[in-house]
């Protein structure tokens, strides 16, 4: 089987690359003893590919760590645990009482499905079964309890955000109440809590009148995809939203776990019920918001997903940042999407569809991420991915990321496997050489980024087919700046393992809202 330009596997311990059925030897300096070739074909025969790990099917994974164990919670009440962020063990799945993480979700008397997702609800699903999406778990420091925020839905915008509590991270969680509703009409608004915060005439005029007394979804959110976090001052916040009116922010009362509704401030996009709109609107694709405050970087980072979540839907991870918790959240161009904007032009794209050396198949629809910083200061992004095959099979992946010299996240090419970046950098001989490089651009489509060959030469030049540029490392560090195609990318070098377990030198860098990843196979110096 032969395929041009993709999936290069390297047997562990071999300093050679299989090319067109033959091999090219690599010396320790990283310089090839062959004239550079750019039109390359790779043979799969006899080459190591991805090592076996234990996968689980957790969609929209939200990651949290306790005492050295990592937990992910996802849609349809799936949950799993791991001690290495590679191999996962299912601890719960589904809506029945057999799921030990949650109380019996089919007990409709509990109240969490009174509005959405129940045969007796105002907007029942076609099959009458509950739909539970995107739970997020946080430890409430004031109460000493774990809080789970999640949503129940019956269609694309009739949803509500509810919450549950537990004394233990792995449950069982018990439903406590409903916080925010969406998808209501002039006839159903009284079934929500909206009128507790906005007088009826004002609410009907704002939320339904512009849409013919149906829900004004282009300006107001779908109450879905909640995540809760602490800011630099110890206050709790909830960010939420999917498509519809965009991404919104509300403060949480730590003493109760419930929403604090703000004063109306139209000039600053603050609604008294839904909170502050941060990004999006006009029913363009944007969902799965996750905010993480990074004390060392000095920024709040807002991660979102664009595209549709199917294999060919262009699903992907974007990131914005702000110095303050309530924004403005901007991209590398200092901009962000507002109502009706074409969102592909906004946000640093961290991951989408791609092939890389050692992968058995391409990764597709990498999205709906969460993020964490561990006790050692390592930063991780957890997301789900589909694959370049004829199914919607999905599984979680966790990658380490770094903050570049300009304060932007740069995600490593491969899933985390215990790698640690050098504090003082690497010898130049370990950096120069032939790299398989991908650039995922900023598109929202089904195209898969495939590698091209770039050489990082000892004289600081970058050479590829019809490509000339330069690269430079900041002295005594892993920081690198790479220039080619009239764009500058800033990032880091990191030695790690590919997904076949082979040692590789990699770089990850960002610029112009794009991410580039490079992978070099060579024997590294001691």
Protein backbone atom coordinates (compact mmCIF):
# COMPACT_ATOMS: atom_id res chain seq x y z
CA UNK A 1 0.00 0.00 0.00
CA UNK A 2 1.45 3.35 -1.00
CA UNK A 3 0.23 6.83 -0.33
CA UNK A 4 1.95 10.08 -1.20
CA UNK A 5 2.96 12.40 1.57
CA UNK A 6 1.24 10.82 4.57
CA UNK A 7 1.65 8.48 7.52
CA UNK A 8 5.37 7.90 7.88
CA UNK A 9 6.14 5.27 10.50
CA UNK A 10 9.50 4.68 12.13
CA UNK A 11 10.52 1.49 13.88
CA UNK A 12 11.74 2.22 17.39
CA UNK A 13 15.49 2.64 17.60
CA UNK A 14 16.09 2.96 13.84
CA UNK A 15 17.70 6.11 12.48
CA UNK A 16 16.15 5.69 9.04
CA UNK A 17 13.10 6.75 7.08
CA UNK A 18 11.41 4.40 4.63
CA UNK A 19 10.89 6.28 1.38
CA UNK A 20 9.47 4.72 -1.78
CA UNK A 21 10.29 1.23 -0.54
CA UNK A 22 13.91 2.13 0.33
CA UNK A 23 15.53 4.00 3.20
CA UNK A 24 17.43 7.20 3.76
CA UNK A 25 20.00 7.05 6.54
CA UNK A 26 20.21 9.87 9.04
CA UNK A 27 23.33 10.84 10.94
CA UNK A 28 23.25 12.20 14.47
CA UNK A 29 23.74 15.78 13.32
CA UNK A 30 20.37 15.67 11.62
CA UNK A 31 21.83 16.25 8.12
CA UNK A 32 20.67 13.85 5.42
CA UNK A 33 23.36 12.17 3.32
CA UNK A 34 21.12 12.57 0.26
CA UNK A 35 20.09 15.48 -1.93
CA UNK A 36 16.84 16.99 -0.60
CA UNK A 37 13.70 15.47 -2.11
CA UNK A 38 10.25 16.94 -1.80
CA UNK A 39 8.11 14.68 -4.02
CA UNK A 40 8.07 11.79 -1.58
CA UNK A 41 6.16 8.52 -1.32
CA UNK A 42 5.97 6.45 1.83
CA UNK A 43 5.66 2.70 2.16
CA UNK A 44 3.71 1.19 5.04
CA UNK A 45 5.34 -2.24 4.70
CA UNK A 46 7.20 -3.36 7.80
CA UNK A 47 7.02 0.04 9.47
CA UNK A 48 5.86 0.59 13.04
CA UNK A 49 2.55 2.41 13.48
CA UNK A 50 0.57 3.67 16.43
CA UNK A 51 1.03 1.74 19.64
CA UNK A 52 -1.95 0.20 21.37
CA UNK A 53 -3.69 2.31 23.98
CA UNK A 54 -7.01 1.80 25.69
CA UNK A 55 -9.60 4.05 24.09
CA UNK A 56 -13.09 4.91 25.29
CA UNK A 57 -15.99 6.65 23.57
CA UNK A 58 -16.40 9.84 25.59
CA UNK A 59 -17.72 12.72 23.50
CA UNK A 60 -17.18 16.37 24.50
CA UNK A 61 -14.71 15.40 27.25
CA UNK A 62 -14.21 17.73 30.20
CA UNK A 63 -11.06 16.84 32.14
CA UNK A 64 -10.36 17.22 35.86
CA UNK A 65 -7.63 15.73 38.07
CA UNK A 66 -7.76 14.46 41.64
CA UNK A 67 -4.88 12.81 43.53
CA UNK A 68 -3.05 11.70 40.40
CA UNK A 69 -6.10 10.32 38.62
CA UNK A 70 -7.65 12.09 35.65
CA UNK A 71 -11.38 12.02 35.00
CA UNK A 72 -13.26 12.96 31.87
CA UNK A 73 -17.02 13.56 31.74
CA UNK A 74 -18.87 13.69 28.43
CA UNK A 75 -22.20 13.76 26.63
CA UNK A 76 -24.80 11.05 27.24
CA UNK A 77 -23.35 10.85 30.75
CA UNK A 78 -20.24 8.96 29.71
CA UNK A 79 -17.28 9.14 32.11
CA UNK A 80 -13.83 7.57 32.30
CA UNK A 81 -10.67 7.70 34.39
CA UNK A 82 -6.95 7.35 33.71
CA UNK A 83 -3.62 7.65 35.50
CA UNK A 84 -1.61 8.58 32.39
CA UNK A 85 -4.10 10.44 30.14
CA UNK A 86 -3.49 7.72 27.54
CA UNK A 87 -5.28 4.61 28.71
CA UNK A 88 -8.86 5.17 29.88
CA UNK A 89 -11.26 3.05 31.90
CA UNK A 90 -15.02 3.54 31.62
CA UNK A 91 -16.63 4.40 34.96
CA UNK A 92 -20.09 5.32 33.71
CA UNK A 93 -22.19 5.59 30.58
CA UNK A 94 -25.82 6.18 29.66
CA UNK A 95 -28.98 7.29 31.38
CA UNK A 96 -30.08 4.27 33.36
CA UNK A 97 -29.63 3.53 37.04
CA UNK A 98 -26.74 1.22 36.13
CA UNK A 99 -24.58 4.30 35.61
CA UNK A 100 -22.95 4.67 39.02
CA UNK A 101 -21.74 8.20 38.32
CA UNK A 102 -25.29 9.59 38.27
CA UNK A 103 -28.62 8.98 39.84
CA UNK A 104 -31.24 7.42 37.59
CA UNK A 105 -31.74 9.96 34.82
CA UNK A 106 -34.85 8.19 33.58
CA UNK A 107 -36.64 9.06 36.78
CA UNK A 108 -38.55 11.94 35.19
CA UNK A 109 -40.00 12.96 38.56
CA UNK A 110 -36.62 14.40 39.54
CA UNK A 111 -37.30 17.61 37.63
CA UNK A 112 -34.27 17.94 35.37
CA UNK A 113 -36.32 16.98 32.29
CA UNK A 114 -39.44 19.00 33.07
CA UNK A 115 -38.62 21.51 30.35
CA UNK A 116 -36.65 19.55 27.74
CA UNK A 117 -36.06 15.96 26.81
CA UNK A 118 -38.96 14.13 28.43
CA UNK A 119 -42.14 12.56 27.04
CA UNK A 120 -44.12 14.92 29.27
CA UNK A 121 -42.02 18.01 28.56
CA UNK A 122 -43.04 21.05 26.54
CA UNK A 123 -40.81 20.02 23.65
CA UNK A 124 -40.34 16.25 23.76
CA UNK A 125 -37.78 14.41 21.68
CA UNK A 126 -39.02 12.20 18.91
CA UNK A 127 -38.21 9.04 20.83
CA UNK A 128 -39.10 10.44 24.23
CA UNK A 129 -35.63 9.71 25.56
CA UNK A 130 -33.60 12.30 27.48
CA UNK A 131 -30.69 14.02 25.79
CA UNK A 132 -27.89 15.12 28.09
CA UNK A 133 -24.96 17.08 26.70
CA UNK A 134 -21.48 18.20 27.68
CA UNK A 135 -21.23 17.94 31.49
CA UNK A 136 -18.46 19.82 33.26
CA UNK A 137 -17.28 19.00 36.81
CA UNK A 138 -15.62 21.46 39.17
CA UNK A 139 -14.68 21.25 42.84
CA UNK A 140 -16.53 23.99 44.73
CA UNK A 141 -13.95 25.15 47.28
CA UNK A 142 -16.43 26.97 49.51
CA UNK A 143 -18.75 24.01 49.91
CA UNK A 144 -16.32 21.10 49.65
CA UNK A 145 -18.53 19.48 47.00
CA UNK A 146 -18.14 18.53 43.38
CA UNK A 147 -20.54 20.36 41.12
CA UNK A 148 -21.58 19.06 37.73
CA UNK A 149 -23.04 21.53 35.23
CA UNK A 150 -24.73 20.01 32.19
CA UNK A 151 -27.71 20.51 29.92
CA UNK A 152 -30.80 18.67 28.78
CA UNK A 153 -32.18 19.30 25.30
CA UNK A 154 -35.06 18.25 23.12
CA UNK A 155 -34.11 20.02 19.90
CA UNK A 156 -31.44 22.34 18.52
CA UNK A 157 -32.25 25.26 20.83
CA UNK A 158 -34.84 24.11 23.38
CA UNK A 159 -32.43 23.45 26.22
CA UNK A 160 -31.69 24.18 29.83
CA UNK A 161 -28.57 24.19 31.96
CA UNK A 162 -28.92 22.26 35.20
CA UNK A 163 -26.57 21.28 37.99
CA UNK A 164 -25.92 18.35 40.30
CA UNK A 165 -23.65 17.77 43.30
CA UNK A 166 -21.64 14.93 44.83
CA UNK A 167 -19.26 14.41 47.72
CA UNK A 168 -17.04 12.34 45.43
CA UNK A 169 -15.59 13.20 42.05
CA UNK A 170 -16.88 9.98 40.49
CA UNK A 171 -20.36 10.40 41.94
CA UNK A 172 -23.08 9.64 42.38
CA UNK A 173 -24.28 13.12 41.37
CA UNK A 174 -27.75 14.26 42.37
CA UNK A 175 -29.70 16.90 40.48
CA UNK A 176 -30.21 20.17 42.39
CA UNK A 177 -31.94 22.58 40.04
CA UNK A 178 -32.17 24.39 36.72
CA UNK A 179 -30.25 27.60 35.99
CA UNK A 180 -30.82 28.88 32.45
CA UNK A 181 -33.44 28.13 29.78
CA UNK A 182 -33.44 28.71 26.02
CA UNK A 183 -35.74 28.00 23.09
CA UNK A 184 -38.88 29.30 24.82
CA UNK A 185 -41.66 31.09 22.95
CA UNK A 186 -44.22 33.67 23.97
CA UNK A 187 -46.45 30.74 24.96
CA UNK A 188 -43.87 28.81 26.97
CA UNK A 189 -41.80 31.54 28.63
CA UNK A 190 -43.77 31.20 31.87
CA UNK A 191 -42.54 27.62 32.20
CA UNK A 192 -39.01 29.00 32.68
CA UNK A 193 -37.42 31.23 35.33
CA UNK A 194 -36.86 34.11 32.89
CA UNK A 195 -39.63 36.24 34.41
CA UNK A 196 -37.91 36.05 37.82
CA UNK A 197 -35.25 38.37 36.41
CA UNK A 198 -36.87 40.27 33.52
CA UNK A 199 -40.39 41.71 33.48
CA UNK A 200 -42.74 39.93 31.09
CA UNK A 201 -43.23 42.70 28.54
CA UNK A 202 -39.49 43.36 28.27
CA UNK A 203 -38.69 39.64 28.07
CA UNK A 204 -41.23 38.93 25.34
CA UNK A 205 -40.06 41.94 23.35
CA UNK A 206 -36.36 41.03 23.60
CA UNK A 207 -36.42 37.25 23.43
CA UNK A 208 -39.35 36.43 21.11
CA UNK A 209 -40.90 39.40 19.30
CA UNK A 210 -38.21 39.80 16.63
CA UNK A 211 -38.69 36.15 15.69
CA UNK A 212 -42.47 36.26 15.37
CA UNK A 213 -42.87 35.43 19.06
CA UNK A 214 -40.72 32.33 18.65
CA UNK A 215 -37.33 32.24 20.33
CA UNK A 216 -34.92 34.88 18.97
CA UNK A 217 -32.09 32.39 18.63
CA UNK A 218 -29.86 34.55 16.41
CA UNK A 219 -29.27 37.04 19.23
CA UNK A 220 -29.64 34.85 22.33
CA UNK A 221 -27.92 31.60 23.24
CA UNK A 222 -28.68 27.96 23.18
CA UNK A 223 -28.40 26.98 26.86
CA UNK A 224 -25.89 24.21 26.29
CA UNK A 225 -22.18 23.38 26.76
CA UNK A 226 -21.64 24.96 30.20
CA UNK A 227 -18.20 25.05 31.79
CA UNK A 228 -17.40 26.62 35.16
CA UNK A 229 -14.06 28.06 36.33
CA UNK A 230 -12.40 30.26 38.95
CA UNK A 231 -10.91 33.61 37.98
CA UNK A 232 -7.74 35.22 39.34
CA UNK A 233 -9.67 36.69 42.29
CA UNK A 234 -11.35 33.42 43.29
CA UNK A 235 -14.75 34.21 41.77
CA UNK A 236 -16.64 31.50 39.91
CA UNK A 237 -17.97 31.95 36.38
CA UNK A 238 -19.91 29.91 33.84
CA UNK A 239 -19.31 30.22 30.10
CA UNK A 240 -21.79 28.53 27.78
CA UNK A 241 -23.48 28.53 24.38
CA UNK A 242 -23.68 26.68 21.09
CA UNK A 243 -24.31 28.31 17.68
CA UNK A 244 -27.50 30.47 18.01
CA UNK A 245 -26.65 33.81 19.67
CA UNK A 246 -23.06 32.83 20.45
CA UNK A 247 -21.00 32.38 23.62
CA UNK A 248 -22.17 33.95 26.92
CA UNK A 249 -20.71 34.47 30.39
CA UNK A 250 -22.43 34.53 33.80
CA UNK A 251 -21.02 34.78 37.32
CA UNK A 252 -21.69 31.88 39.73
CA UNK A 253 -22.39 32.31 43.45
CA UNK A 254 -19.82 29.98 45.03
CA UNK A 255 -21.94 29.62 48.19
CA UNK A 256 -24.88 28.16 46.25
CA UNK A 257 -23.49 27.11 42.87
CA UNK A 258 -26.24 29.14 41.22
CA UNK A 259 -26.16 31.94 38.65
CA UNK A 260 -25.75 35.61 39.57
CA UNK A 261 -27.77 37.59 37.03
CA UNK A 262 -26.20 40.94 36.09
CA UNK A 263 -27.65 44.38 35.52
CA UNK A 264 -28.57 45.04 31.91
CA UNK A 265 -25.84 46.86 29.94
CA UNK A 266 -26.71 46.82 26.23
CA UNK A 267 -23.68 48.92 25.30
CA UNK A 268 -21.42 46.13 26.57
CA UNK A 269 -23.53 43.20 25.30
CA UNK A 270 -24.75 42.35 28.82
CA UNK A 271 -28.24 40.84 29.07
CA UNK A 272 -29.90 40.68 32.53
CA UNK A 273 -30.88 37.02 32.10
CA UNK A 274 -28.28 35.41 29.80
CA UNK A 275 -25.24 37.45 30.84
CA UNK A 276 -22.53 38.89 28.60
CA UNK A 277 -22.11 37.83 25.00
CA UNK A 278 -18.40 37.21 24.40
CA UNK A 279 -18.27 35.90 20.82
CA UNK A 280 -20.43 34.91 17.91
CA UNK A 281 -24.12 35.12 17.14
CA UNK A 282 -26.33 34.96 14.08
CA UNK A 283 -26.38 31.15 14.27
CA UNK A 284 -22.88 30.70 12.86
CA UNK A 285 -20.88 27.74 14.09
CA UNK A 286 -19.30 28.34 17.48
CA UNK A 287 -19.74 26.13 20.55
CA UNK A 288 -18.04 24.21 23.35
CA UNK A 289 -16.56 27.22 25.19
CA UNK A 290 -13.93 26.59 27.84
CA UNK A 291 -12.11 29.33 29.77
CA UNK A 292 -8.88 28.69 31.67
CA UNK A 293 -6.99 31.36 33.58
CA UNK A 294 -3.22 30.98 33.25
CA UNK A 295 -1.48 32.85 36.06
CA UNK A 296 2.01 32.54 34.57
CA UNK A 297 0.89 33.77 31.16
CA UNK A 298 -1.34 36.47 32.64
CA UNK A 299 -4.29 35.70 30.34
CA UNK A 300 -7.68 34.09 30.31
CA UNK A 301 -7.85 31.70 27.35
CA UNK A 302 -11.21 31.01 25.73
CA UNK A 303 -11.30 27.81 23.70
CA UNK A 304 -14.20 27.16 21.33
CA UNK A 305 -15.12 24.74 18.53
CA UNK A 306 -16.08 25.72 14.98
CA UNK A 307 -17.73 23.61 12.30
CA UNK A 308 -20.09 20.67 12.60
CA UNK A 309 -19.15 17.80 14.87
CA UNK A 310 -19.32 15.03 12.23
CA UNK A 311 -16.23 13.48 10.65
CA UNK A 312 -16.46 15.69 7.56
CA UNK A 313 -17.93 18.74 9.28
CA UNK A 314 -14.69 20.67 9.71
CA UNK A 315 -14.88 20.49 13.52
CA UNK A 316 -11.86 22.17 15.10
CA UNK A 317 -10.36 23.99 18.10
CA UNK A 318 -9.92 27.78 18.17
CA UNK A 319 -8.61 29.98 20.97
CA UNK A 320 -8.96 33.65 22.00
CA UNK A 321 -7.47 35.44 25.01
CA UNK A 322 -8.18 38.34 27.36
CA UNK A 323 -6.52 40.11 30.27
CA UNK A 324 -9.88 40.26 32.08
CA UNK A 325 -12.42 37.55 32.73
CA UNK A 326 -15.26 39.27 30.86
CA UNK A 327 -13.23 40.20 27.78
CA UNK A 328 -12.69 41.38 25.19
CA UNK A 329 -11.43 37.98 24.02
CA UNK A 330 -9.38 38.49 20.85
CA UNK A 331 -7.34 36.42 18.41
CA UNK A 332 -3.81 36.98 17.08
CA UNK A 333 -5.14 39.85 14.96
CA UNK A 334 -6.81 41.53 17.94
CA UNK A 335 -10.28 40.65 16.61
CA UNK A 336 -13.24 38.41 17.39
CA UNK A 337 -16.46 37.34 15.60
CA UNK A 338 -19.69 39.17 16.34
CA UNK A 339 -23.25 38.48 15.23
CA UNK A 340 -23.26 37.18 11.67
CA UNK A 341 -19.50 37.41 11.06
CA UNK A 342 -17.80 34.71 8.98
CA UNK A 343 -16.05 33.05 11.88
CA UNK A 344 -13.31 31.29 9.86
CA UNK A 345 -11.41 34.60 9.88
CA UNK A 346 -11.34 34.79 13.69
CA UNK A 347 -9.53 32.79 16.33
CA UNK A 348 -6.20 30.96 16.44
CA UNK A 349 -6.82 27.50 14.99
CA UNK A 350 -5.03 24.94 17.16
CA UNK A 351 -6.25 21.70 15.61
CA UNK A 352 -8.55 20.38 12.89
CA UNK A 353 -8.03 17.53 10.38
CA UNK A 354 -4.51 16.16 9.85
CA UNK A 355 -2.15 13.30 9.01
CA UNK A 356 1.18 12.91 10.76
CA UNK A 357 3.99 10.35 10.73
CA UNK A 358 3.15 7.19 12.75
CA UNK A 359 -0.64 7.66 12.63
CA UNK A 360 -2.59 4.66 11.42
CA UNK A 361 -5.16 7.01 9.91
CA UNK A 362 -5.83 10.72 9.75
CA UNK A 363 -7.39 12.53 12.69
CA UNK A 364 -10.57 14.42 11.83
CA UNK A 365 -13.00 16.69 13.65
CA UNK A 366 -10.67 17.30 16.60
CA UNK A 367 -12.72 19.50 18.87
CA UNK A 368 -14.84 20.31 21.94
CA UNK A 369 -11.84 20.68 24.21
CA UNK A 370 -11.20 21.30 27.86
CA UNK A 371 -7.88 22.42 29.36
CA UNK A 372 -5.96 22.09 32.60
CA UNK A 373 -2.67 23.05 34.28
CA UNK A 374 -1.29 20.39 36.63
CA UNK A 375 0.67 20.86 39.86
CA UNK A 376 3.95 20.77 37.92
CA UNK A 377 2.80 23.60 35.70
CA UNK A 378 2.31 21.41 32.63
CA UNK A 379 -0.56 22.48 30.41
CA UNK A 380 -2.89 20.01 28.69
CA UNK A 381 -5.75 20.13 26.21
CA UNK A 382 -8.27 17.28 26.15
CA UNK A 383 -10.62 16.86 23.18
CA UNK A 384 -12.39 14.18 21.16
CA UNK A 385 -11.35 13.13 17.69
CA UNK A 386 -12.85 11.18 14.84
CA UNK A 387 -10.81 9.45 12.16
CA UNK A 388 -10.40 9.31 8.41
CA UNK A 389 -12.58 6.24 7.98
CA UNK A 390 -16.19 5.63 7.07
CA UNK A 391 -17.71 5.92 10.51
CA UNK A 392 -18.31 8.44 13.27
CA UNK A 393 -16.17 6.53 15.77
CA UNK A 394 -14.65 8.95 18.27
CA UNK A 395 -12.35 8.86 21.27
CA UNK A 396 -10.62 11.36 23.60
CA UNK A 397 -7.05 12.55 23.18
CA UNK A 398 -4.89 14.66 25.51
CA UNK A 399 -1.99 16.78 24.27
CA UNK A 400 0.48 18.95 26.11
CA UNK A 401 0.70 22.56 25.00
CA UNK A 402 3.04 25.46 25.70
CA UNK A 403 2.77 29.23 25.75
CA UNK A 404 5.07 30.95 23.24
CA UNK A 405 7.01 34.15 23.79
CA UNK A 406 4.02 36.23 22.72
CA UNK A 407 1.63 34.46 25.10
CA UNK A 408 -0.21 32.16 22.65
CA UNK A 409 -0.88 28.44 23.12
CA UNK A 410 1.04 26.01 20.90
CA UNK A 411 -0.14 22.39 20.98
CA UNK A 412 2.24 19.47 20.47
CA UNK A 413 1.73 17.25 17.41
CA UNK A 414 1.24 13.98 19.31
CA UNK A 415 -0.73 12.86 22.34
CA UNK A 416 1.03 13.23 25.65
CA UNK A 417 3.27 10.38 26.74
CA UNK A 418 5.28 11.78 29.65
CA UNK A 419 7.34 14.27 27.63
CA UNK A 420 9.03 17.19 29.37
CA UNK A 421 10.40 20.17 27.52
CA UNK A 422 13.99 21.22 28.19
CA UNK A 423 14.26 24.34 30.34
CA UNK A 424 17.52 25.37 28.67
CA UNK A 425 16.82 24.30 25.11
CA UNK A 426 18.44 21.71 22.84
CA UNK A 427 21.79 21.56 21.06
CA UNK A 428 21.57 22.91 17.56
CA UNK A 429 22.63 19.57 16.07
CA UNK A 430 19.44 18.07 17.45
CA UNK A 431 17.29 20.72 15.81
CA UNK A 432 18.60 20.97 12.26
CA UNK A 433 17.40 18.50 9.66
CA UNK A 434 14.43 17.25 7.69
CA UNK A 435 10.94 17.86 9.12
CA UNK A 436 7.53 16.61 8.12
CA UNK A 437 5.47 19.78 8.51
CA UNK A 438 1.74 20.40 8.45
CA UNK A 439 -0.18 23.65 8.44
CA UNK A 440 -3.90 23.27 9.09
CA UNK A 441 -4.69 26.76 7.85
CA UNK A 442 -7.90 28.45 8.97
CA UNK A 443 -10.49 26.67 6.83
CA UNK A 444 -13.65 25.03 8.14
CA UNK A 445 -14.02 22.03 5.86
CA UNK A 446 -13.30 18.31 5.43
CA UNK A 447 -9.81 18.77 3.93
CA UNK A 448 -7.03 16.90 5.74
CA UNK A 449 -3.67 18.63 6.24
CA UNK A 450 -0.89 16.40 4.89
CA UNK A 451 2.83 16.86 5.56
CA UNK A 452 5.33 18.60 3.33
CA UNK A 453 9.09 18.47 3.73
CA UNK A 454 10.96 21.42 5.19
CA UNK A 455 14.65 21.53 6.05
CA UNK A 456 15.83 23.60 9.00
CA UNK A 457 19.45 24.17 8.09
CA UNK A 458 22.42 24.93 10.32
CA UNK A 459 22.85 28.36 8.73
CA UNK A 460 19.36 29.44 9.89
CA UNK A 461 17.64 28.98 6.54
CA UNK A 462 14.40 27.11 5.91
CA UNK A 463 14.20 25.28 2.58
CA UNK A 464 11.35 23.37 0.96
CA UNK A 465 9.94 22.81 -2.47
CA UNK A 466 9.41 26.37 -3.75
CA UNK A 467 9.84 27.56 -0.15
CA UNK A 468 12.56 29.75 1.34
CA UNK A 469 12.66 31.17 4.83
CA UNK A 470 14.54 31.38 8.07
CA UNK A 471 14.46 30.11 11.64
CA UNK A 472 16.05 31.24 14.87
CA UNK A 473 16.08 29.94 18.43
CA UNK A 474 16.06 32.30 21.41
CA UNK A 475 19.35 31.71 23.25
CA UNK A 476 19.17 29.29 26.19
CA UNK A 477 15.57 28.32 25.52
CA UNK A 478 13.24 26.16 23.46
CA UNK A 479 11.57 29.16 21.84
CA UNK A 480 11.77 29.29 18.05
CA UNK A 481 10.70 31.74 15.35
CA UNK A 482 10.17 30.36 11.85
CA UNK A 483 9.49 32.48 8.76
CA UNK A 484 8.32 31.18 5.38
CA UNK A 485 5.63 32.02 2.83
CA UNK A 486 5.75 35.60 4.15
CA UNK A 487 4.44 34.54 7.56
CA UNK A 488 6.18 34.34 10.93
CA UNK A 489 5.40 31.57 13.39
CA UNK A 490 6.45 31.61 17.03
CA UNK A 491 6.61 28.49 19.17
CA UNK A 492 8.79 25.88 20.84
CA UNK A 493 10.85 22.78 20.16
CA UNK A 494 10.08 19.69 22.22
CA UNK A 495 11.54 16.20 22.14
CA UNK A 496 8.78 13.63 22.55
CA UNK A 497 7.54 10.30 21.22
CA UNK A 498 5.40 9.84 18.16
CA UNK A 499 2.35 7.60 18.41
CA UNK A 500 4.45 4.52 17.59
CA UNK A 501 6.64 5.26 20.61
CA UNK A 502 9.64 6.50 18.59
CA UNK A 503 11.72 9.43 19.84
CA UNK A 504 11.28 12.48 17.62
CA UNK A 505 12.14 16.14 17.71
CA UNK A 506 9.10 18.32 17.14
CA UNK A 507 8.22 21.95 16.90
CA UNK A 508 4.87 23.63 17.34
CA UNK A 509 4.38 27.26 16.42
CA UNK A 510 1.58 29.72 15.65
CA UNK A 511 1.17 32.81 13.51
CA UNK A 512 -1.58 34.61 11.57
CA UNK A 513 -4.15 32.47 13.43
CA UNK A 514 -2.52 29.32 12.00
CA UNK A 515 -0.66 26.45 13.70
CA UNK A 516 2.27 24.58 12.19
CA UNK A 517 3.70 21.30 13.51
CA UNK A 518 7.01 19.75 12.54
CA UNK A 519 8.33 16.22 13.18
CA UNK A 520 11.95 15.09 12.67
CA UNK A 521 13.17 11.50 12.83
CA UNK A 522 16.81 11.29 13.87
CA UNK A 523 19.01 9.86 16.59
CA UNK A 524 19.18 12.62 19.17
CA UNK A 525 22.47 13.51 20.81
CA UNK A 526 23.05 12.68 24.46
